[in-house]
Protein backbone atom coordinates (compact mmCIF):
# COMPACT_ATOMS: atom_id res chain seq x y z
CA MET A 1 38.48 59.31 89.11
CA ALA A 2 38.45 57.96 85.26
CA HIS A 3 39.99 54.51 84.50
CA ARG A 4 41.65 55.31 80.74
CA PRO A 5 42.25 51.15 78.94
CA ALA A 6 45.63 49.88 78.43
CA PHE A 7 46.46 48.75 74.73
CA ASP A 8 49.09 45.62 74.21
CA SER A 9 51.76 45.78 71.90
CA LEU A 10 49.06 45.57 68.32
CA GLY A 11 47.60 48.69 69.93
CA ARG A 12 44.54 46.05 71.38
CA SER A 13 42.30 47.20 74.75
CA SER A 14 43.80 44.95 77.10
CA GLU A 15 40.53 44.94 79.04
CA ARG A 16 38.60 44.08 75.88
CA ALA A 17 38.70 40.28 77.50
CA PRO A 18 36.86 41.23 80.59
CA LEU A 19 34.19 44.00 78.99
CA ARG A 20 33.14 41.50 75.85
CA LEU A 21 32.49 38.83 78.86
CA ARG A 22 30.62 42.15 81.63
CA PHE A 23 27.86 42.87 78.09
CA ALA A 24 28.22 39.00 76.82
CA GLY A 25 24.23 38.42 78.09
CA ARG A 26 23.12 41.92 77.04
CA GLY A 27 24.88 41.97 73.30
CA ARG A 28 22.57 38.51 72.87
CA ASP A 29 19.58 39.89 74.39
CA ARG A 30 19.61 42.48 72.06
CA SER A 31 20.20 39.84 69.67
CA ARG A 32 16.30 39.80 69.34
CA SER A 33 15.21 43.17 69.41
CA TRP A 34 12.74 45.00 68.31
CA ILE A 35 15.01 46.15 64.80
CA HIS A 36 15.29 41.79 64.04
CA GLY A 37 11.77 41.48 64.21
CA TYR A 38 10.59 44.83 62.49
CA VAL A 39 13.45 43.03 59.12
CA VAL A 40 11.65 39.66 59.65
CA ARG A 41 8.17 41.35 59.39
CA LEU A 42 9.48 42.68 56.01
CA ALA A 43 10.73 39.98 54.67
CA TRP A 44 7.73 38.07 55.11
CA THR A 45 5.32 40.55 53.70
CA ASP A 46 8.41 40.60 50.78
CA ALA A 47 7.36 37.28 50.22
CA VAL A 48 2.96 37.41 50.27
CA ILE A 49 3.13 40.14 48.49
CA VAL A 50 5.72 38.92 45.24
CA VAL A 51 3.35 35.94 45.57
CA THR A 52 0.59 37.34 45.43
CA ALA A 53 1.10 39.13 42.05
CA VAL A 54 2.81 36.61 40.73
CA VAL A 55 -0.22 34.05 41.17
CA LEU A 56 -2.35 37.36 40.15
CA ALA A 57 -0.92 37.39 37.10
CA GLN A 58 -1.25 33.85 35.77
CA LEU A 59 -4.61 34.12 36.38
CA ALA A 60 -5.05 36.84 34.50
CA ARG A 61 -3.22 36.05 32.17
CA PHE A 62 -4.01 32.01 31.47
CA GLY A 63 -7.16 32.18 33.48
CA ALA A 64 -8.43 29.56 36.97
CA GLU A 65 -7.32 26.97 34.98
CA SER A 66 -3.54 27.31 34.23
CA ALA A 67 -1.35 24.91 36.35
CA LEU A 68 -0.43 22.95 33.50
CA VAL A 69 -0.82 25.64 30.93
CA PRO A 70 2.43 25.51 28.63
CA ASN A 71 3.71 28.67 28.49
CA GLY A 72 7.10 30.49 26.05
CA ALA A 73 9.05 28.12 22.93
CA ALA A 74 10.24 26.06 25.38
CA GLN A 75 6.67 25.19 26.36
CA VAL A 76 6.92 25.14 29.99
CA PRO A 77 3.45 25.06 32.79
CA ALA A 78 2.61 28.07 33.63
CA THR A 79 3.40 26.86 37.24
CA ALA A 80 6.65 26.31 37.05
CA VAL A 81 7.60 30.17 35.45
CA SER A 82 5.77 31.62 37.67
CA THR A 83 7.50 29.53 40.94
CA ALA A 84 11.40 30.84 38.72
CA LEU A 85 9.67 34.17 39.04
CA ALA A 86 9.38 34.84 42.11
CA ILE A 87 12.17 33.04 44.14
CA SER A 88 13.95 35.41 41.67
CA TRP A 89 12.33 38.24 42.51
CA LEU A 90 12.99 38.20 46.26
CA LEU A 91 16.59 37.25 45.42
CA SER A 92 16.36 40.31 43.52
CA LEU A 93 15.68 41.91 47.02
CA ARG A 94 17.93 40.54 48.62
CA ALA A 95 20.52 40.95 46.40
CA PHE A 96 19.69 44.92 46.90
CA GLN A 97 20.03 45.11 49.91
CA THR A 98 16.61 46.24 50.84
CA LEU A 99 15.85 44.45 54.81
CA ASP A 100 19.45 46.35 54.78
CA ARG A 101 19.14 46.98 59.39
CA ARG A 102 20.31 50.29 58.65
CA ILE A 103 18.11 51.99 55.53
CA VAL A 104 14.55 50.10 56.67
CA GLY A 105 12.01 52.44 57.95
CA SER A 106 13.73 55.99 57.60
CA GLY A 107 15.09 57.98 55.23
CA SER A 108 14.20 57.19 50.91
CA GLN A 109 17.02 55.28 50.46
CA GLU A 110 14.40 51.86 51.57
CA TYR A 111 11.92 53.05 48.82
CA SER A 112 14.78 53.49 46.09
CA ARG A 113 16.67 50.16 46.76
CA VAL A 114 12.94 48.32 46.45
CA VAL A 115 12.31 49.75 43.14
CA THR A 116 15.76 48.96 41.43
CA ALA A 117 15.66 45.47 42.52
CA CYS A 118 12.44 45.05 41.40
CA LEU A 119 13.37 46.80 37.15
CA THR A 120 16.65 45.64 37.60
CA LEU A 121 14.89 41.76 37.20
CA PHE A 122 12.33 42.64 35.30
CA GLY A 123 14.88 44.62 32.65
CA LEU A 124 17.08 41.08 33.46
CA LEU A 125 14.54 38.38 32.21
CA ALA A 126 13.44 41.36 29.34
CA MET A 127 16.66 40.50 27.75
CA VAL A 128 17.08 37.05 28.31
CA ASP A 129 13.73 36.61 27.40
CA LEU A 130 14.76 38.30 24.04
CA LEU A 131 18.14 37.01 23.71
CA PHE A 132 16.81 33.25 23.38
CA ARG A 133 13.26 33.89 22.37
CA LEU A 134 11.86 32.46 25.21
CA ASN A 135 8.63 33.96 24.32
CA ILE A 136 8.04 34.40 28.05
CA ALA A 137 3.49 35.78 27.81
CA ARG A 138 4.48 39.33 28.35
CA GLY A 139 1.12 40.20 29.32
CA PHE A 140 2.39 38.14 32.54
CA ILE A 141 5.11 39.97 33.52
CA ALA A 142 3.46 43.82 31.98
CA ILE A 143 1.06 42.31 35.36
CA ALA A 144 2.94 40.94 37.71
CA LEU A 145 6.02 44.25 37.73
CA PRO A 146 4.11 46.69 38.60
CA VAL A 147 1.50 45.05 41.06
CA GLY A 148 4.26 43.73 42.61
CA THR A 149 6.23 46.76 42.93
CA VAL A 150 3.64 49.25 43.83
CA GLY A 151 2.89 46.73 46.62
CA LEU A 152 5.76 46.21 47.76
CA LEU A 153 6.45 50.42 48.24
CA ALA A 154 2.86 50.05 49.76
CA SER A 155 3.56 47.81 52.96
CA ARG A 156 7.14 49.57 53.43
CA TRP A 157 4.57 52.66 53.97
CA LEU A 158 2.56 50.97 56.60
CA TRP A 159 5.10 49.48 58.23
CA ARG A 160 7.47 52.52 58.81
CA GLN A 161 3.73 54.72 59.26
CA ARG A 162 3.84 52.30 62.61
CA LEU A 163 7.08 52.07 63.00
CA GLY A 164 6.38 55.75 63.50
CA HIS A 165 3.31 55.54 65.82
CA GLN A 166 4.94 53.79 68.14
CA ARG A 167 7.89 55.69 67.92
CA MET A 168 6.57 58.72 68.72
CA ARG A 169 5.40 56.37 71.59
CA SER A 170 9.28 56.01 72.66
CA GLU A 171 9.02 52.01 71.70
CA ASN A 172 11.10 50.64 69.22
CA VAL A 173 13.57 53.36 69.24
CA GLU A 174 18.15 53.15 69.91
CA HIS A 175 18.75 54.55 73.19
CA VAL A 176 22.14 56.91 72.30
CA LEU A 177 24.98 57.47 73.62
CA VAL A 178 26.70 60.43 72.90
CA VAL A 179 30.55 61.34 72.63
CA GLY A 180 31.82 64.43 71.37
CA SER A 181 32.75 67.92 72.98
CA GLU A 182 28.70 69.81 73.13
CA SER A 183 29.94 72.18 69.99
CA SER A 184 29.51 69.59 68.32
CA ALA A 185 27.50 66.39 70.76
CA ILE A 186 24.59 69.25 70.91
CA PRO A 187 23.77 69.96 67.07
CA MET A 188 22.94 66.11 66.94
CA MET A 189 21.44 66.13 70.60
CA GLU A 190 19.14 68.86 69.42
CA ARG A 191 17.35 67.73 66.08
CA PHE A 192 17.12 63.70 67.70
CA LEU A 193 14.66 65.77 69.95
CA ARG A 194 13.09 67.10 67.79
CA GLN A 195 12.36 64.64 65.50
CA PRO A 196 11.27 61.35 67.73
CA ASN A 197 10.36 59.53 64.84
CA LEU A 198 13.58 58.89 63.19
CA GLY A 199 13.37 56.50 66.29
CA TYR A 200 16.91 57.92 68.01
CA ARG A 201 16.96 58.46 71.96
CA VAL A 202 19.37 60.53 73.83
CA VAL A 203 19.90 58.83 77.37
CA GLY A 204 23.23 60.27 77.82
CA ILE A 205 27.00 62.38 76.73
CA CYS A 206 30.58 61.35 77.66
CA LEU A 207 32.49 64.48 77.19
CA PRO A 208 35.88 64.90 76.65
CA ASN A 209 36.47 66.08 80.72
CA ARG A 210 34.10 66.39 83.65
CA LEU A 211 34.23 69.71 83.65
CA GLY A 212 33.87 70.39 87.10
CA GLN A 213 32.42 67.27 87.87
CA ARG A 214 29.12 68.38 85.73
CA THR A 215 26.31 65.76 85.63
CA ALA A 216 24.17 67.44 82.87
CA VAL A 217 23.93 68.78 79.65
CA PRO A 218 21.20 71.17 78.99
CA VAL A 219 19.26 70.90 75.30
CA GLY A 220 16.26 72.41 74.44
CA ASP A 221 14.02 71.85 77.33
CA ILE A 222 15.88 68.80 78.46
CA GLN A 223 18.09 68.41 80.64
CA VAL A 224 20.98 65.39 79.14
CA PRO A 225 22.61 63.35 81.70
CA VAL A 226 26.69 62.88 81.39
CA TYR A 227 28.12 59.69 81.85
CA GLY A 228 31.81 60.23 81.98
CA THR A 229 33.83 60.78 80.22
CA PHE A 230 35.88 59.91 76.91
CA ASP A 231 37.35 57.05 79.14
CA ASP A 232 34.48 55.95 80.74
CA VAL A 233 32.64 54.98 77.41
CA CYS A 234 32.52 51.16 77.43
CA GLU A 235 31.64 51.58 81.25
CA SER A 236 28.82 54.23 80.16
CA VAL A 237 26.65 52.11 78.02
CA LEU A 238 26.19 49.77 80.10
CA GLU A 239 25.25 52.00 82.88
CA SER A 240 23.08 54.05 80.46
CA GLY A 241 21.34 51.22 78.35
CA ALA A 242 22.51 52.46 75.37
CA THR A 243 22.24 50.47 72.31
CA THR A 244 23.79 53.11 69.89
CA VAL A 245 27.12 55.24 70.65
CA ALA A 246 27.16 58.45 68.13
CA VAL A 247 30.98 59.51 68.72
CA THR A 248 30.74 64.12 67.16
CA SER A 249 34.36 64.55 68.18
CA ALA A 250 36.60 61.93 67.02
CA GLU A 251 39.43 63.82 66.34
CA ALA A 252 39.70 64.77 69.92
CA LEU A 253 38.97 60.72 70.74
CA GLY A 254 42.10 59.90 69.03
CA HIS A 255 43.02 57.07 66.40
CA ASP A 256 43.64 54.17 69.21
CA ALA A 257 41.10 55.00 71.26
CA MET A 258 38.34 55.52 68.89
CA GLN A 259 39.50 51.57 66.81
CA ALA A 260 39.66 50.14 70.65
CA LEU A 261 36.42 51.99 71.00
CA SER A 262 35.06 50.52 68.06
CA TRP A 263 36.59 46.92 69.46
CA ASP A 264 34.97 47.03 72.75
CA LEU A 265 31.73 47.40 71.22
CA GLU A 266 31.97 44.69 68.54
CA GLY A 267 30.13 41.47 69.30
CA LEU A 268 27.94 43.01 71.38
CA ASP A 269 25.33 44.69 69.08
CA VAL A 270 26.36 47.67 70.05
CA ASP A 271 26.15 50.30 66.46
CA MET A 272 28.42 52.90 66.42
CA MET A 273 27.97 55.85 64.45
CA VAL A 274 30.74 58.14 64.13
CA SER A 275 29.80 61.69 62.84
CA PRO A 276 31.91 63.12 59.93
CA GLY A 277 31.15 67.35 61.07
CA VAL A 278 29.26 66.89 57.48
CA THR A 279 25.65 68.25 57.50
CA ASP A 280 22.76 67.76 55.45
CA VAL A 281 25.09 65.82 52.58
CA ALA A 282 22.73 61.95 51.94
CA GLY A 283 24.68 58.58 51.26
CA PRO A 284 25.03 58.34 47.72
CA ARG A 285 27.10 61.37 47.60
CA VAL A 286 29.55 59.46 50.53
CA MET A 287 32.25 57.67 50.38
CA VAL A 288 34.53 55.98 52.03
CA ARG A 289 37.43 55.68 50.90
CA PRO A 290 40.67 53.05 52.83
CA VAL A 291 43.44 55.38 52.30
CA ALA A 292 47.20 54.17 53.71
CA GLY A 293 45.07 52.73 56.33
CA LEU A 294 42.81 55.66 57.05
CA PRO A 295 38.96 56.08 56.48
CA LEU A 296 38.34 58.84 54.04
CA LEU A 297 35.27 60.97 53.70
CA HIS A 298 34.89 61.42 49.92
CA ILE A 299 31.89 63.00 49.11
CA ASP A 300 30.93 63.72 45.89
CA LYS A 301 30.22 66.86 44.25
CA PRO A 302 25.69 67.21 43.27
CA ARG A 303 24.96 66.18 40.02
CA TYR A 304 22.62 68.98 38.74
CA GLU A 305 23.60 68.57 35.15
CA GLY A 306 22.96 66.51 32.54
CA ALA A 307 20.62 62.95 32.17
CA ASN A 308 19.51 64.59 35.80
CA ARG A 309 18.26 67.36 35.17
CA PHE A 310 16.70 65.58 31.44
CA ARG A 311 14.73 63.06 34.12
CA LYS A 312 13.39 65.98 35.92
CA ALA A 313 12.09 68.70 33.01
CA LEU A 314 10.66 65.07 31.72
CA VAL A 315 8.98 63.89 35.28
CA ASP A 316 8.05 67.37 36.00
CA ARG A 317 6.13 68.38 32.10
CA VAL A 318 4.13 65.09 32.44
CA GLY A 319 3.22 64.99 35.96
CA ALA A 320 1.91 68.94 35.70
CA VAL A 321 0.01 67.61 33.05
CA ALA A 322 -1.76 64.62 34.70
CA ILE A 323 -2.51 66.97 37.59
CA LEU A 324 -3.57 70.02 35.31
CA ALA A 325 -6.50 66.81 33.78
CA VAL A 326 -7.64 65.51 37.23
CA LEU A 327 -7.92 69.05 38.79
CA ALA A 328 -9.37 70.95 35.96
CA PRO A 329 -13.11 71.08 37.67
CA VAL A 330 -11.60 72.49 40.59
CA LEU A 331 -8.93 75.30 39.20
CA ILE A 332 -13.09 76.22 37.63
CA ALA A 333 -14.54 76.20 40.25
CA VAL A 334 -11.94 78.25 42.70
CA ALA A 335 -11.85 80.54 39.26
CA ILE A 336 -15.03 81.46 39.36
CA ALA A 337 -15.29 81.58 43.57
CA ILE A 338 -13.41 84.62 43.07
CA LYS A 339 -14.60 86.75 40.06
CA LEU A 340 -17.93 86.14 42.51
CA ASP A 341 -15.86 87.16 46.10
CA SER A 342 -14.01 90.12 45.49
CA ALA A 343 -13.35 92.50 42.32
CA GLY A 344 -10.31 92.22 40.72
CA PRO A 345 -8.46 89.11 38.58
CA VAL A 346 -9.12 85.59 38.69
CA PHE A 347 -4.59 85.36 38.49
CA TYR A 348 -1.94 87.00 40.34
CA ARG A 349 1.90 87.43 38.58
CA ALA A 350 4.16 88.32 41.26
CA THR A 351 7.64 88.63 40.51
CA ARG A 352 9.86 85.42 42.01
CA VAL A 353 13.64 84.01 41.24
CA GLY A 354 14.15 80.82 39.10
CA LEU A 355 17.31 78.92 39.05
CA ASN A 356 20.83 80.51 38.07
CA ASN A 357 19.22 83.95 39.76
CA ALA A 358 16.94 84.21 36.89
CA PRO A 359 13.33 86.26 37.71
CA PHE A 360 9.89 85.14 36.05
CA SER A 361 6.44 85.61 36.83
CA MET A 362 4.54 83.02 39.01
CA TRP A 363 1.20 82.31 39.09
CA LYS A 364 -0.91 82.55 41.25
CA PHE A 365 -5.13 82.34 42.18
CA ARG A 366 -5.73 86.22 43.62
CA SER A 367 -5.84 85.11 47.71
CA MET A 368 -6.04 89.12 48.34
CA VAL A 369 -7.59 92.05 47.52
CA GLN A 370 -6.52 93.84 44.57
CA ASN A 371 -4.25 96.82 45.77
CA ALA A 372 -2.64 93.92 48.55
CA ASP A 373 1.12 95.12 47.17
CA ALA A 374 0.41 98.26 48.12
CA LEU A 375 -0.61 98.03 51.33
CA LYS A 376 2.28 95.74 52.20
CA ASP A 377 4.58 98.37 53.58
CA ASN A 378 1.53 99.84 55.92
CA LEU A 379 1.94 95.95 57.35
CA ARG A 380 5.57 96.25 58.41
CA ALA A 381 5.32 95.96 61.89
CA LEU A 382 2.47 93.24 61.80
CA ASN A 383 5.26 90.98 60.62
CA GLU A 384 5.10 87.44 62.06
CA GLY A 385 7.72 86.29 59.41
CA SER A 386 10.95 84.62 60.15
CA GLY A 387 14.17 86.29 59.21
CA VAL A 388 13.52 87.72 55.55
CA LEU A 389 9.87 86.39 54.83
CA PHE A 390 6.46 88.81 55.62
CA LYS A 391 4.31 86.07 57.19
CA MET A 392 0.49 87.47 59.11
CA ARG A 393 -1.38 85.21 60.19
CA ASP A 394 -4.10 87.30 59.83
CA ASP A 395 -3.33 89.59 57.04
CA PRO A 396 -6.41 91.50 56.75
CA ARG A 397 -5.52 91.72 52.66
CA VAL A 398 -7.24 88.41 52.36
CA THR A 399 -10.58 87.55 51.15
CA LYS A 400 -12.72 85.21 52.71
CA VAL A 401 -12.00 82.82 49.19
CA GLY A 402 -8.81 83.71 49.70
CA ALA A 403 -8.75 82.27 53.36
CA PHE A 404 -9.61 79.11 52.44
CA ILE A 405 -7.94 78.39 48.90
CA ARG A 406 -4.82 79.37 50.99
CA ARG A 407 -6.09 76.97 54.21
CA TYR A 408 -5.44 74.24 51.21
CA SER A 409 -3.09 75.67 49.08
CA LEU A 410 -5.66 75.92 46.04
CA ASP A 411 -3.97 79.15 45.10
CA GLU A 412 -0.95 78.13 44.37
CA LEU A 413 -2.90 75.29 41.43
CA PRO A 414 -1.80 77.49 38.63
CA GLN A 415 1.88 77.34 39.21
CA LEU A 416 1.65 74.50 37.05
CA PHE A 417 1.36 77.14 34.41
CA ASN A 418 5.25 77.61 35.46
CA VAL A 419 6.16 73.99 36.14
CA LEU A 420 5.03 73.59 31.71
CA GLY A 421 6.79 76.71 30.69
CA GLY A 422 9.75 75.46 32.45
CA THR A 423 10.70 77.56 34.80
CA MET A 424 9.49 75.76 37.63
CA SER A 425 9.97 72.49 39.40
CA LEU A 426 7.00 69.66 40.91
CA VAL A 427 9.47 69.60 44.34
CA GLY A 428 11.79 72.30 44.72
CA PRO A 429 13.26 75.33 47.11
CA ARG A 430 10.98 77.95 47.65
CA PRO A 431 10.58 79.82 44.69
CA PRO A 432 11.73 83.59 46.99
CA LEU A 433 11.45 87.40 45.94
CA LEU A 434 13.59 89.51 44.49
CA ASP A 435 14.18 91.98 47.75
CA GLU A 436 14.94 88.30 49.33
CA VAL A 437 17.64 87.71 46.95
CA GLU A 438 19.55 90.28 47.38
CA ARG A 439 20.00 89.66 50.80
CA TYR A 440 21.38 85.86 50.75
CA ASP A 441 24.48 85.10 51.70
CA GLY A 442 27.23 83.12 49.71
CA ARG A 443 25.56 79.53 51.44
CA VAL A 444 21.93 80.78 50.97
CA ALA A 445 22.26 81.83 47.52
CA ARG A 446 23.07 77.95 46.78
CA ARG A 447 18.77 77.74 46.36
CA MET A 448 19.22 78.92 42.93
CA LEU A 449 21.05 76.07 41.73
CA VAL A 450 17.82 74.35 40.99
CA LYS A 451 14.63 75.64 39.74
CA PRO A 452 12.53 75.89 42.83
CA GLY A 453 9.29 74.16 43.62
CA MET A 454 5.31 74.35 43.67
CA THR A 455 5.94 71.90 47.09
CA GLY A 456 9.44 71.39 48.45
CA LEU A 457 10.99 69.79 52.14
CA TRP A 458 9.93 73.47 53.19
CA GLN A 459 5.86 72.45 52.12
CA VAL A 460 6.18 69.39 54.22
CA SER A 461 7.98 70.03 57.14
CA GLY A 462 5.90 73.02 58.47
CA ARG A 463 5.42 75.62 56.60
CA SER A 464 5.22 78.95 57.62
CA ASP A 465 5.62 77.80 61.23
CA LEU A 466 9.04 76.64 60.49
CA SER A 467 11.81 79.27 61.19
CA TRP A 468 14.14 81.03 58.70
CA GLU A 469 17.12 79.40 59.59
CA GLU A 470 15.53 75.50 59.42
CA SER A 471 13.68 76.61 55.93
CA VAL A 472 16.82 77.63 54.70
CA ARG A 473 18.34 74.33 55.56
CA LEU A 474 15.20 72.19 54.39
CA ASP A 475 15.97 74.42 51.29
CA LEU A 476 19.56 73.28 51.15
CA SER A 477 19.70 69.53 51.99
CA TYR A 478 17.02 69.10 49.64
CA VAL A 479 19.40 71.51 47.07
CA GLU A 480 22.33 69.18 47.81
CA ASN A 481 20.68 65.66 47.60
CA TRP A 482 18.12 65.73 45.13
CA SER A 483 16.69 62.87 43.83
CA ILE A 484 13.66 61.54 41.71
CA MET A 485 12.70 59.20 44.96
CA GLN A 486 13.37 61.61 47.04
CA ASP A 487 10.77 64.09 44.49
CA ALA A 488 8.38 61.13 45.54
CA LEU A 489 8.27 61.03 48.80
CA ILE A 490 7.86 65.55 49.67
CA LEU A 491 5.09 64.69 46.39
CA TRP A 492 3.64 61.98 48.05
CA LYS A 493 3.58 63.89 52.12
CA THR A 494 2.42 67.16 50.19
CA GLY A 495 -1.03 65.82 49.82
CA LYS A 496 -1.36 64.97 53.74
CA ALA A 497 0.60 67.90 55.23
CA VAL A 498 -2.20 70.38 53.10
CA VAL A 499 -5.14 68.32 54.15
CA ALA A 500 -3.60 68.88 57.65
CA LYS A 501 -3.71 72.38 57.22
CA ASP A 502 0.11 72.83 58.75
CA GLY A 503 1.50 75.90 58.48
CA ALA A 504 -0.80 77.31 55.86
CA TYR A 505 -1.84 81.02 56.49
């Protein structure tokens, strides 16, 4: 029979002390868990990279015999300036919480905080130097900033790759006990199971009631064990070996029980997460505001206008010019190959729907026979695409050169001209066809609030192998949570997705 914790006159669990004693040993062991070691290694790596960047900048600017070379109006030795800069840099990284255990190892926020810490420090140094006329060598700063920032980002990425590989082997993961009803818990567990690299391994679930003494809940191809009811959470944590408790039905658990649970898990190094019931909304838009003693989740509206849109447009134009300059020989070679392989034009211009449902002509290298559109209706029965998409793995309309350039996404390179013209972005939702948009419901139509992109979350997460629902979810997630740093991560992952050729046909 389930045991319900008792509460005293102040609303505190009368069993809190015994529970703490039962968990005390495990809490001390968990304080030395993988996350502690991971953060320590990050801290030491940051220190090594910052010191290396500063030393390289000093040597490049002042030479090998630069230790006592006077620098600036105050004639401070170069070594003293380098030491002060390195210490300030490391303090800036700590001030911006770049080692926060909640953000390291996943998402774009870790990279964003590193970049913000670096730019803020050097911006302040530039203002102080100008205000007090210190005349610190600008060449010294100009070398240290890019070298150190790139080094810090690269090290975080390398550590994250190592962590991802370990998590795929079920190492360095959080063992999650889910507390909630099946309707709210199963979607969360399905996402954790689909993405093991996130580092969350579901070890069990606590349901509102036993529902006929059920022993397991089916989630995909596995059975998640049922450890008890909402009254048994603390005992279930001990029994399941959970390091994290994820509450998906806070309203069913109740305010008093939630508070008691947080107290019981306090100091045990067992994290508690509460799902707000809002999916695909990232941290920058979410803020918890206490109102009348209740923590209310405030969700800001997505911001697509003003400075954000200007920054994205600037990055798009500059990026498109740079990519075209680098890949010009590739574009010329592909154009010649298409012309020699089959009759017809080099480029294919298809009508797509862009920002605010405005149609535009999208440029692509022609990868099919010249009358491909007329043959499409004859192949409807062989469609392998999901939802409203038309896709075939072995489309007979694709030419020999077309199959090659599709495999490596070279057929999409002319879309850089669309980016220059302002009808597309480097990163964004997939550009849809007119007949697709006509069948969109209100939810899917939110994809049209931003410009479509050459690549996006859809492109780096499986491409044509994704279901229609998952493609829509990824596009909506991008629209709701756009940021420059997210765009940078997607562009970085696009190269890997193109080389791997996963889902490209």
